[in-house]
Amino acid sequence: MQSSKAYTGVIKAYGQAVMYEEALVMFNTMNEMGSKPTIETYNTLIYMFSRGGLYKKTKAILLKMGESEVARDRDSFNGVIEGYRPDGQFKKLLRLMLRWKRED
């Protein structure tokens, strides 16, 4: 079994190469092989999908993150902000942030 750090590194490399589907396949493989995603793994995916404008995938990763009981951190929030900001999606971002505040 590979370490979470190794899988996260490969996921990040795919993201930098704009190979989003391959990154998601690697994330799923990571889970199937029993390597537990860390906060760094989730944040890598959040940044990658947010910057790519893939909001549904970002949301899916956030939900999976919650299911795995990995707590969001400052980098998680910043990753989402980075994704919504360039497209002028401020209303959606505000709704998301308010929902997170209620959940915490």
Protein backbone atom coordinates (compact mmCIF):
# COMPACT_ATOMS: atom_id res chain seq x y z
CA MET A 1 0.00 0.00 0.00
CA GLN A 2 1.34 3.42 -0.98
CA SER A 3 1.30 6.22 1.56
CA SER A 4 -1.28 9.00 1.47
CA LYS A 5 1.54 11.43 0.82
CA ALA A 6 2.60 9.55 -2.34
CA TYR A 7 -0.97 9.42 -3.67
CA THR A 8 -1.48 13.11 -2.89
CA GLY A 9 1.70 13.96 -4.79
CA VAL A 10 0.46 12.13 -7.88
CA ILE A 11 -2.97 13.77 -7.57
CA LYS A 12 -1.32 17.19 -7.35
CA ALA A 13 0.82 16.46 -10.43
CA TYR A 14 -2.29 15.48 -12.40
CA GLY A 15 -3.99 18.68 -11.28
CA GLN A 16 -1.05 20.81 -12.39
CA ALA A 17 -1.21 19.09 -15.78
CA VAL A 18 -4.97 19.81 -15.95
CA MET A 19 -5.66 16.08 -15.98
CA TYR A 20 -8.67 16.23 -13.67
CA GLU A 21 -10.21 12.86 -14.49
CA GLU A 22 -6.90 11.10 -13.92
CA ALA A 23 -6.57 12.86 -10.56
CA LEU A 24 -10.03 11.65 -9.58
CA VAL A 25 -9.20 8.10 -10.67
CA MET A 26 -6.06 8.24 -8.50
CA PHE A 27 -8.13 9.50 -5.55
CA ASN A 28 -10.58 6.61 -5.99
CA THR A 29 -7.69 4.15 -6.32
CA MET A 30 -6.22 5.56 -3.13
CA ASN A 31 -9.45 4.84 -1.30
CA GLU A 32 -9.83 1.38 -2.82
CA MET A 33 -6.29 0.45 -1.80
CA GLY A 34 -7.00 1.42 1.81
CA SER A 35 -4.85 4.53 1.93
CA LYS A 36 -6.74 7.15 3.90
CA PRO A 37 -6.93 10.63 2.32
CA THR A 38 -5.54 13.41 4.50
CA ILE A 39 -6.49 17.07 4.74
CA GLU A 40 -3.73 17.74 2.19
CA THR A 41 -5.30 15.26 -0.23
CA TYR A 42 -8.71 16.89 0.05
CA ASN A 43 -7.32 20.42 -0.20
CA THR A 44 -5.34 19.46 -3.31
CA LEU A 45 -8.55 18.26 -4.97
CA ILE A 46 -10.52 21.30 -3.77
CA TYR A 47 -7.98 23.73 -5.22
CA MET A 48 -7.70 21.75 -8.44
CA PHE A 49 -11.42 21.47 -9.12
CA SER A 50 -12.20 25.00 -7.94
CA ARG A 51 -9.57 26.58 -10.16
CA GLY A 52 -10.82 24.48 -13.05
CA GLY A 53 -14.35 25.81 -12.55
CA LEU A 54 -15.58 22.30 -11.75
CA TYR A 55 -17.92 23.35 -8.95
CA LYS A 56 -19.91 20.10 -8.83
CA LYS A 57 -16.71 18.11 -8.40
CA THR A 58 -15.55 20.55 -5.72
CA LYS A 59 -18.83 20.07 -3.90
CA ALA A 60 -18.57 16.29 -4.20
CA ILE A 61 -15.08 16.35 -2.67
CA LEU A 62 -16.29 18.58 0.16
CA LEU A 63 -19.12 16.13 0.87
CA LYS A 64 -16.74 13.16 0.80
CA MET A 65 -14.43 15.08 3.11
CA GLY A 66 -17.29 15.51 5.59
CA GLU A 67 -18.24 11.84 5.33
CA SER A 68 -14.67 10.83 6.15
CA GLU A 69 -14.72 13.17 9.15
CA VAL A 70 -11.72 15.17 7.96
CA ALA A 71 -12.30 18.72 9.21
CA ARG A 72 -12.08 21.62 6.79
CA ASP A 73 -9.29 24.06 7.48
CA ARG A 74 -8.22 27.49 6.27
CA ASP A 75 -6.75 26.02 3.09
CA SER A 76 -10.05 24.29 2.33
CA PHE A 77 -11.87 27.62 2.52
CA ASN A 78 -9.18 29.39 0.50
CA GLY A 79 -9.37 26.73 -2.21
CA VAL A 80 -13.09 27.26 -2.62
CA ILE A 81 -12.68 31.05 -2.61
CA GLU A 82 -10.01 30.79 -5.32
CA GLY A 83 -12.40 28.87 -7.51
CA TYR A 84 -15.45 31.07 -7.16
CA ARG A 85 -13.69 34.45 -7.30
CA PRO A 86 -12.52 34.53 -10.96
CA ASP A 87 -15.98 33.72 -12.29
CA GLY A 88 -17.67 36.37 -10.17
CA GLN A 89 -19.59 33.71 -8.29
CA PHE A 90 -19.71 35.78 -5.11
CA LYS A 91 -23.37 35.05 -4.28
CA LYS A 92 -22.77 31.30 -4.47
CA LEU A 93 -19.63 31.68 -2.41
CA LEU A 94 -21.45 33.71 0.24
CA ARG A 95 -24.24 31.10 0.47
CA LEU A 96 -21.67 28.35 0.86
CA MET A 97 -19.76 30.22 3.55
CA LEU A 98 -22.97 30.94 5.48
CA ARG A 99 -23.97 27.28 5.28
CA TRP A 100 -20.54 26.25 6.61
CA LYS A 101 -20.87 28.73 9.46
CA ARG A 102 -24.22 27.18 10.46
CA GLU A 103 -22.73 23.68 10.31
CA ASP A 104 -19.77 24.56 12.57
